N, C-alpha and C. Protein backbone atom coordinates (compact mmCIF):
# COMPACT_ATOMS: atom_id res chain seq x y z
N UNK A 1 -133.92 -49.11 -212.72
CA UNK A 1 -132.95 -49.91 -213.44
C UNK A 1 -132.21 -49.02 -214.44
N UNK A 2 -130.91 -49.05 -214.39
CA UNK A 2 -130.09 -48.28 -215.32
C UNK A 2 -129.83 -49.12 -216.57
N UNK A 3 -130.16 -48.61 -217.73
CA UNK A 3 -129.88 -49.30 -218.97
C UNK A 3 -128.46 -48.96 -219.38
N UNK A 4 -127.61 -49.99 -219.57
CA UNK A 4 -126.22 -49.72 -219.90
C UNK A 4 -126.09 -49.13 -221.30
N UNK A 5 -125.14 -48.27 -221.46
CA UNK A 5 -124.87 -47.71 -222.78
C UNK A 5 -123.98 -48.70 -223.53
N UNK A 6 -123.89 -48.60 -224.87
CA UNK A 6 -123.03 -49.50 -225.63
C UNK A 6 -121.58 -49.45 -225.16
N UNK A 7 -121.16 -48.34 -224.56
CA UNK A 7 -119.78 -48.24 -224.09
C UNK A 7 -119.56 -49.11 -222.85
N UNK A 8 -120.64 -49.43 -222.14
CA UNK A 8 -120.52 -50.24 -220.93
C UNK A 8 -120.36 -51.71 -221.22
N UNK A 9 -120.54 -52.13 -222.44
CA UNK A 9 -120.44 -53.54 -222.79
C UNK A 9 -121.75 -54.02 -223.39
N UNK A 10 -121.94 -55.34 -223.44
CA UNK A 10 -123.17 -55.86 -224.03
C UNK A 10 -124.40 -55.38 -223.27
N UNK A 11 -125.48 -55.24 -223.96
CA UNK A 11 -126.70 -54.77 -223.33
C UNK A 11 -127.34 -55.90 -222.55
N UNK A 12 -126.86 -56.07 -221.30
CA UNK A 12 -127.33 -57.13 -220.43
C UNK A 12 -127.83 -56.53 -219.13
N UNK A 13 -128.78 -57.18 -218.54
CA UNK A 13 -129.25 -56.83 -217.22
C UNK A 13 -129.20 -58.11 -216.41
N UNK A 14 -128.55 -58.10 -215.26
CA UNK A 14 -128.37 -59.33 -214.49
C UNK A 14 -129.69 -60.01 -214.18
N UNK A 15 -130.71 -59.26 -213.86
CA UNK A 15 -131.99 -59.85 -213.49
C UNK A 15 -132.82 -60.25 -214.71
N UNK A 16 -132.84 -59.40 -215.74
CA UNK A 16 -133.71 -59.63 -216.88
C UNK A 16 -133.03 -60.40 -218.01
N UNK A 17 -131.72 -60.39 -218.04
CA UNK A 17 -131.01 -61.02 -219.15
C UNK A 17 -130.76 -60.02 -220.25
N UNK A 18 -130.61 -60.50 -221.47
CA UNK A 18 -130.31 -59.66 -222.61
C UNK A 18 -131.47 -58.73 -222.90
N UNK A 19 -131.20 -57.44 -223.06
CA UNK A 19 -132.24 -56.45 -223.32
C UNK A 19 -132.58 -56.34 -224.80
N UNK A 20 -131.68 -56.80 -225.65
CA UNK A 20 -131.93 -56.80 -227.10
C UNK A 20 -131.81 -58.23 -227.58
N UNK A 21 -132.78 -58.69 -228.34
CA UNK A 21 -132.76 -60.06 -228.85
C UNK A 21 -131.57 -60.24 -229.79
N UNK A 22 -130.90 -61.40 -229.72
CA UNK A 22 -129.68 -61.62 -230.51
C UNK A 22 -129.86 -61.37 -232.01
N UNK A 23 -130.97 -61.80 -232.59
CA UNK A 23 -131.11 -61.66 -234.04
C UNK A 23 -131.45 -60.23 -234.46
N UNK A 24 -131.79 -59.38 -233.50
CA UNK A 24 -131.96 -57.96 -233.79
C UNK A 24 -130.61 -57.35 -234.12
N UNK A 25 -129.57 -57.83 -233.44
CA UNK A 25 -128.21 -57.34 -233.65
C UNK A 25 -127.77 -57.57 -235.09
N UNK A 26 -128.18 -58.69 -235.67
CA UNK A 26 -127.78 -59.01 -237.04
C UNK A 26 -128.83 -58.57 -238.07
N UNK A 27 -129.79 -57.81 -237.63
CA UNK A 27 -130.83 -57.35 -238.55
C UNK A 27 -131.71 -58.50 -239.03
N UNK A 28 -131.81 -59.55 -238.24
CA UNK A 28 -132.61 -60.72 -238.61
C UNK A 28 -131.92 -61.68 -239.55
N UNK A 29 -130.71 -61.33 -239.96
CA UNK A 29 -129.98 -62.21 -240.89
C UNK A 29 -129.44 -63.42 -240.15
N UNK A 30 -129.50 -64.57 -240.79
CA UNK A 30 -129.00 -65.80 -240.18
C UNK A 30 -127.91 -66.47 -241.00
N UNK A 31 -127.56 -65.86 -242.12
CA UNK A 31 -126.51 -66.43 -242.96
C UNK A 31 -125.41 -65.40 -243.20
N UNK A 32 -124.19 -65.74 -242.77
CA UNK A 32 -123.08 -64.81 -243.03
C UNK A 32 -122.70 -64.82 -244.51
N UNK A 33 -122.15 -63.72 -244.98
CA UNK A 33 -121.71 -63.65 -246.39
C UNK A 33 -120.32 -64.22 -246.56
N UNK A 34 -119.54 -64.30 -245.49
CA UNK A 34 -118.19 -64.88 -245.55
C UNK A 34 -118.24 -66.30 -245.00
N UNK A 35 -117.37 -67.15 -245.53
CA UNK A 35 -117.30 -68.54 -245.07
C UNK A 35 -116.51 -68.58 -243.75
N UNK A 36 -117.23 -68.70 -242.65
CA UNK A 36 -116.62 -68.74 -241.33
C UNK A 36 -117.11 -69.97 -240.59
N UNK A 37 -116.21 -70.61 -239.84
CA UNK A 37 -116.64 -71.64 -238.91
C UNK A 37 -116.16 -71.25 -237.52
N UNK A 38 -116.45 -72.05 -236.53
CA UNK A 38 -116.11 -71.68 -235.16
C UNK A 38 -114.62 -71.53 -234.92
N UNK A 39 -113.80 -72.25 -235.71
CA UNK A 39 -112.36 -72.20 -235.53
C UNK A 39 -111.67 -71.21 -236.45
N UNK A 40 -112.42 -70.54 -237.31
CA UNK A 40 -111.83 -69.52 -238.19
C UNK A 40 -111.16 -68.45 -237.33
N UNK A 41 -109.99 -68.02 -237.76
CA UNK A 41 -109.26 -66.98 -237.03
C UNK A 41 -109.49 -65.64 -237.70
N UNK A 42 -109.88 -64.65 -236.92
CA UNK A 42 -110.23 -63.33 -237.42
C UNK A 42 -109.24 -62.33 -236.83
N UNK A 43 -108.80 -61.38 -237.67
CA UNK A 43 -107.84 -60.37 -237.20
C UNK A 43 -108.14 -59.04 -237.85
N UNK A 44 -108.06 -57.98 -237.07
CA UNK A 44 -108.31 -56.63 -237.57
C UNK A 44 -107.23 -56.23 -238.56
N UNK A 45 -107.64 -55.49 -239.59
CA UNK A 45 -106.69 -55.02 -240.61
C UNK A 45 -106.18 -53.62 -240.33
N UNK A 46 -106.88 -52.89 -239.46
CA UNK A 46 -106.52 -51.50 -239.21
C UNK A 46 -107.33 -50.54 -240.06
N UNK A 47 -108.10 -51.07 -241.00
CA UNK A 47 -108.96 -50.25 -241.85
C UNK A 47 -110.21 -49.85 -241.07
N UNK A 48 -110.55 -48.60 -241.10
CA UNK A 48 -111.75 -48.11 -240.43
C UNK A 48 -112.95 -48.33 -241.34
N UNK A 49 -113.99 -48.99 -240.83
CA UNK A 49 -115.19 -49.21 -241.67
C UNK A 49 -115.79 -47.88 -242.13
N UNK A 50 -116.15 -47.81 -243.40
CA UNK A 50 -116.73 -46.59 -243.96
C UNK A 50 -118.24 -46.52 -243.76
N UNK A 51 -118.85 -47.67 -243.43
CA UNK A 51 -120.29 -47.71 -243.20
C UNK A 51 -120.56 -47.69 -241.71
N UNK A 52 -121.77 -47.26 -241.34
CA UNK A 52 -122.17 -47.24 -239.92
C UNK A 52 -122.45 -48.67 -239.48
N UNK A 53 -121.77 -49.09 -238.44
CA UNK A 53 -122.00 -50.41 -237.86
C UNK A 53 -122.44 -50.24 -236.43
N UNK A 54 -123.12 -51.24 -235.91
CA UNK A 54 -123.65 -51.16 -234.55
C UNK A 54 -122.59 -51.35 -233.48
N UNK A 55 -122.99 -51.20 -232.21
CA UNK A 55 -122.04 -51.33 -231.11
C UNK A 55 -121.45 -52.73 -230.99
N UNK A 56 -122.22 -53.76 -231.36
CA UNK A 56 -121.69 -55.12 -231.31
C UNK A 56 -120.58 -55.30 -232.35
N UNK A 57 -120.72 -54.65 -233.50
CA UNK A 57 -119.65 -54.68 -234.51
C UNK A 57 -118.36 -54.07 -233.94
N UNK A 58 -118.52 -52.94 -233.27
CA UNK A 58 -117.36 -52.26 -232.69
C UNK A 58 -116.72 -53.12 -231.61
N UNK A 59 -117.53 -53.76 -230.79
CA UNK A 59 -117.00 -54.63 -229.74
C UNK A 59 -116.27 -55.82 -230.36
N UNK A 60 -116.88 -56.43 -231.39
CA UNK A 60 -116.24 -57.56 -232.07
C UNK A 60 -114.92 -57.14 -232.69
N UNK A 61 -114.90 -55.98 -233.32
CA UNK A 61 -113.68 -55.47 -233.94
C UNK A 61 -112.60 -55.25 -232.88
N UNK A 62 -112.98 -54.77 -231.72
CA UNK A 62 -112.03 -54.57 -230.63
C UNK A 62 -111.43 -55.86 -230.11
N UNK A 63 -112.11 -56.97 -230.30
CA UNK A 63 -111.61 -58.28 -229.86
C UNK A 63 -110.64 -58.91 -230.86
N UNK A 64 -110.48 -58.27 -232.01
CA UNK A 64 -109.70 -58.86 -233.10
C UNK A 64 -108.30 -58.26 -233.23
N UNK A 65 -107.72 -57.77 -232.14
CA UNK A 65 -106.37 -57.20 -232.22
C UNK A 65 -105.36 -58.24 -232.70
N UNK A 66 -105.47 -59.44 -232.23
CA UNK A 66 -104.63 -60.55 -232.68
C UNK A 66 -105.55 -61.62 -233.25
N UNK A 67 -104.99 -62.67 -233.83
CA UNK A 67 -105.84 -63.74 -234.36
C UNK A 67 -106.73 -64.32 -233.26
N UNK A 68 -108.03 -64.23 -233.45
CA UNK A 68 -109.00 -64.68 -232.46
C UNK A 68 -110.03 -65.55 -233.16
N UNK A 69 -110.42 -66.65 -232.54
CA UNK A 69 -111.38 -67.55 -233.15
C UNK A 69 -112.80 -66.98 -233.07
N UNK A 70 -113.62 -67.40 -234.00
CA UNK A 70 -115.02 -66.99 -234.01
C UNK A 70 -115.70 -67.43 -232.71
N UNK A 71 -115.37 -68.63 -232.24
CA UNK A 71 -115.97 -69.14 -231.00
C UNK A 71 -115.63 -68.24 -229.81
N UNK A 72 -114.39 -67.78 -229.73
CA UNK A 72 -113.99 -66.92 -228.63
C UNK A 72 -114.70 -65.57 -228.69
N UNK A 73 -114.80 -65.02 -229.87
CA UNK A 73 -115.51 -63.73 -230.04
C UNK A 73 -116.98 -63.89 -229.65
N UNK A 74 -117.58 -64.99 -230.08
CA UNK A 74 -118.98 -65.26 -229.75
C UNK A 74 -119.18 -65.34 -228.24
N UNK A 75 -118.25 -65.99 -227.55
CA UNK A 75 -118.35 -66.10 -226.09
C UNK A 75 -118.22 -64.73 -225.42
N UNK A 76 -117.30 -63.92 -225.89
CA UNK A 76 -117.13 -62.58 -225.30
C UNK A 76 -118.35 -61.70 -225.55
N UNK A 77 -118.95 -61.83 -226.72
CA UNK A 77 -120.13 -61.02 -227.05
C UNK A 77 -121.40 -61.55 -226.40
N UNK A 78 -121.34 -62.79 -225.92
CA UNK A 78 -122.52 -63.46 -225.37
C UNK A 78 -123.64 -63.52 -226.40
N UNK A 79 -123.25 -63.89 -227.62
CA UNK A 79 -124.21 -64.02 -228.72
C UNK A 79 -124.10 -65.42 -229.32
N UNK A 80 -125.17 -65.92 -229.93
CA UNK A 80 -125.07 -67.20 -230.62
C UNK A 80 -124.02 -67.12 -231.73
N UNK A 81 -123.40 -68.25 -232.02
CA UNK A 81 -122.32 -68.28 -233.01
C UNK A 81 -122.78 -67.77 -234.37
N UNK A 82 -123.98 -68.12 -234.79
CA UNK A 82 -124.44 -67.69 -236.11
C UNK A 82 -124.59 -66.17 -236.18
N UNK A 83 -125.03 -65.55 -235.10
CA UNK A 83 -125.14 -64.09 -235.07
C UNK A 83 -123.75 -63.47 -235.13
N UNK A 84 -122.81 -64.04 -234.38
CA UNK A 84 -121.43 -63.56 -234.40
C UNK A 84 -120.83 -63.70 -235.79
N UNK A 85 -121.12 -64.79 -236.47
CA UNK A 85 -120.61 -64.98 -237.84
C UNK A 85 -121.16 -63.91 -238.78
N UNK A 86 -122.42 -63.53 -238.61
CA UNK A 86 -123.00 -62.48 -239.44
C UNK A 86 -122.30 -61.15 -239.17
N UNK A 87 -122.08 -60.83 -237.89
CA UNK A 87 -121.39 -59.58 -237.55
C UNK A 87 -119.98 -59.56 -238.12
N UNK A 88 -119.26 -60.67 -237.94
CA UNK A 88 -117.89 -60.74 -238.45
C UNK A 88 -117.84 -60.70 -239.97
N UNK A 89 -118.82 -61.30 -240.63
CA UNK A 89 -118.82 -61.25 -242.10
C UNK A 89 -119.08 -59.83 -242.58
N UNK A 90 -119.86 -59.06 -241.83
CA UNK A 90 -120.03 -57.63 -242.16
C UNK A 90 -118.68 -56.92 -242.10
N UNK A 91 -117.90 -57.24 -241.06
CA UNK A 91 -116.58 -56.63 -240.89
C UNK A 91 -115.60 -57.10 -241.97
N UNK A 92 -115.72 -58.35 -242.39
CA UNK A 92 -114.89 -58.85 -243.50
C UNK A 92 -115.26 -58.11 -244.78
N UNK A 93 -116.57 -57.97 -245.03
CA UNK A 93 -117.05 -57.32 -246.26
C UNK A 93 -116.58 -55.88 -246.38
N UNK A 94 -116.46 -55.17 -245.25
CA UNK A 94 -116.03 -53.77 -245.32
C UNK A 94 -114.52 -53.63 -245.17
N UNK A 95 -113.80 -54.75 -245.07
CA UNK A 95 -112.34 -54.72 -245.03
C UNK A 95 -111.73 -54.44 -243.67
N UNK A 96 -112.56 -54.43 -242.61
CA UNK A 96 -112.04 -54.13 -241.28
C UNK A 96 -111.32 -55.31 -240.65
N UNK A 97 -111.69 -56.54 -241.06
CA UNK A 97 -111.02 -57.74 -240.54
C UNK A 97 -110.76 -58.71 -241.69
N UNK A 98 -109.81 -59.59 -241.45
CA UNK A 98 -109.58 -60.72 -242.36
C UNK A 98 -109.88 -61.99 -241.59
N UNK A 99 -110.23 -63.02 -242.31
CA UNK A 99 -110.52 -64.31 -241.69
C UNK A 99 -109.83 -65.40 -242.48
N UNK A 100 -109.36 -66.40 -241.75
CA UNK A 100 -108.75 -67.55 -242.41
C UNK A 100 -109.08 -68.80 -241.60
N UNK A 101 -109.05 -69.91 -242.29
CA UNK A 101 -109.27 -71.19 -241.63
C UNK A 101 -108.04 -71.50 -240.77
N UNK A 102 -108.24 -72.20 -239.67
CA UNK A 102 -107.08 -72.55 -238.84
C UNK A 102 -106.15 -73.49 -239.60
N UNK A 103 -104.88 -73.41 -239.27
CA UNK A 103 -103.92 -74.30 -239.91
C UNK A 103 -104.11 -75.71 -239.41
N UNK A 104 -104.06 -76.64 -240.33
CA UNK A 104 -104.18 -78.05 -239.98
C UNK A 104 -102.82 -78.55 -239.50
N UNK A 105 -102.83 -79.19 -238.36
CA UNK A 105 -101.60 -79.72 -237.80
C UNK A 105 -101.75 -81.24 -237.73
N UNK A 106 -100.98 -81.94 -238.57
CA UNK A 106 -101.10 -83.40 -238.63
C UNK A 106 -100.74 -84.07 -237.32
N UNK A 107 -99.94 -83.44 -236.48
CA UNK A 107 -99.56 -84.06 -235.21
C UNK A 107 -100.77 -84.17 -234.27
N UNK A 108 -101.80 -83.36 -234.52
CA UNK A 108 -102.99 -83.45 -233.68
C UNK A 108 -103.74 -84.75 -233.87
N UNK A 109 -103.55 -85.41 -234.99
CA UNK A 109 -104.23 -86.67 -235.24
C UNK A 109 -103.31 -87.86 -234.98
N UNK A 110 -102.15 -87.61 -234.41
CA UNK A 110 -101.22 -88.67 -234.09
C UNK A 110 -101.84 -89.56 -233.00
N UNK A 111 -101.93 -90.85 -233.27
CA UNK A 111 -102.56 -91.78 -232.35
C UNK A 111 -101.89 -91.79 -230.98
N UNK A 112 -100.56 -91.75 -230.95
CA UNK A 112 -99.86 -91.79 -229.66
C UNK A 112 -100.18 -90.55 -228.82
N UNK A 113 -100.33 -89.41 -229.46
CA UNK A 113 -100.70 -88.20 -228.73
C UNK A 113 -102.11 -88.33 -228.15
N UNK A 114 -103.04 -88.83 -228.95
CA UNK A 114 -104.41 -89.00 -228.47
C UNK A 114 -104.48 -90.00 -227.32
N UNK A 115 -103.69 -91.06 -227.40
CA UNK A 115 -103.67 -92.05 -226.31
C UNK A 115 -103.09 -91.44 -225.04
N UNK A 116 -102.07 -90.60 -225.18
CA UNK A 116 -101.48 -89.94 -224.01
C UNK A 116 -102.49 -89.00 -223.35
N UNK A 117 -103.25 -88.29 -224.15
CA UNK A 117 -104.29 -87.40 -223.61
C UNK A 117 -105.35 -88.23 -222.89
N UNK A 118 -105.77 -89.32 -223.49
CA UNK A 118 -106.77 -90.19 -222.87
C UNK A 118 -106.26 -90.76 -221.55
N UNK A 119 -105.01 -91.20 -221.52
CA UNK A 119 -104.43 -91.72 -220.28
C UNK A 119 -104.40 -90.64 -219.20
N UNK A 120 -104.01 -89.43 -219.56
CA UNK A 120 -103.98 -88.33 -218.61
C UNK A 120 -105.36 -88.03 -218.05
N UNK A 121 -106.36 -88.06 -218.92
CA UNK A 121 -107.74 -87.81 -218.47
C UNK A 121 -108.21 -88.90 -217.53
N UNK A 122 -107.88 -90.13 -217.84
CA UNK A 122 -108.29 -91.24 -216.97
C UNK A 122 -107.65 -91.12 -215.60
N UNK A 123 -106.40 -90.69 -215.54
CA UNK A 123 -105.73 -90.53 -214.25
C UNK A 123 -106.36 -89.42 -213.42
N UNK A 124 -106.86 -88.38 -214.06
CA UNK A 124 -107.45 -87.25 -213.33
C UNK A 124 -108.88 -87.56 -212.86
N UNK A 125 -109.52 -88.49 -213.53
CA UNK A 125 -110.90 -88.82 -213.15
C UNK A 125 -110.84 -89.94 -212.19
């Protein structure tokens, strides 16, 4: 069995699954230092981190070229959301990324829009 290098992507083996436990990636930490939720948008600042970060940090940073949600980054990393939040908060703390809450759009709560979506779903089912 060939163990993939960090350059090959996440440390996964098709037969065995993840070779490194998710909470090992975050150093056992379960609470991020930055206030992030699944819809928070994260974007790289272009600043190079001055501290040594792990391969998952580098992969997460590479996913932040444009505004990307925490949920999307978590899916690409194949890590639990809380672990991804810890990694991203490390990147926020060192200035490599910025994070902001998604913009609230009042039209999303428009009753007529929700009814149209419901009608469309009913027609497809």
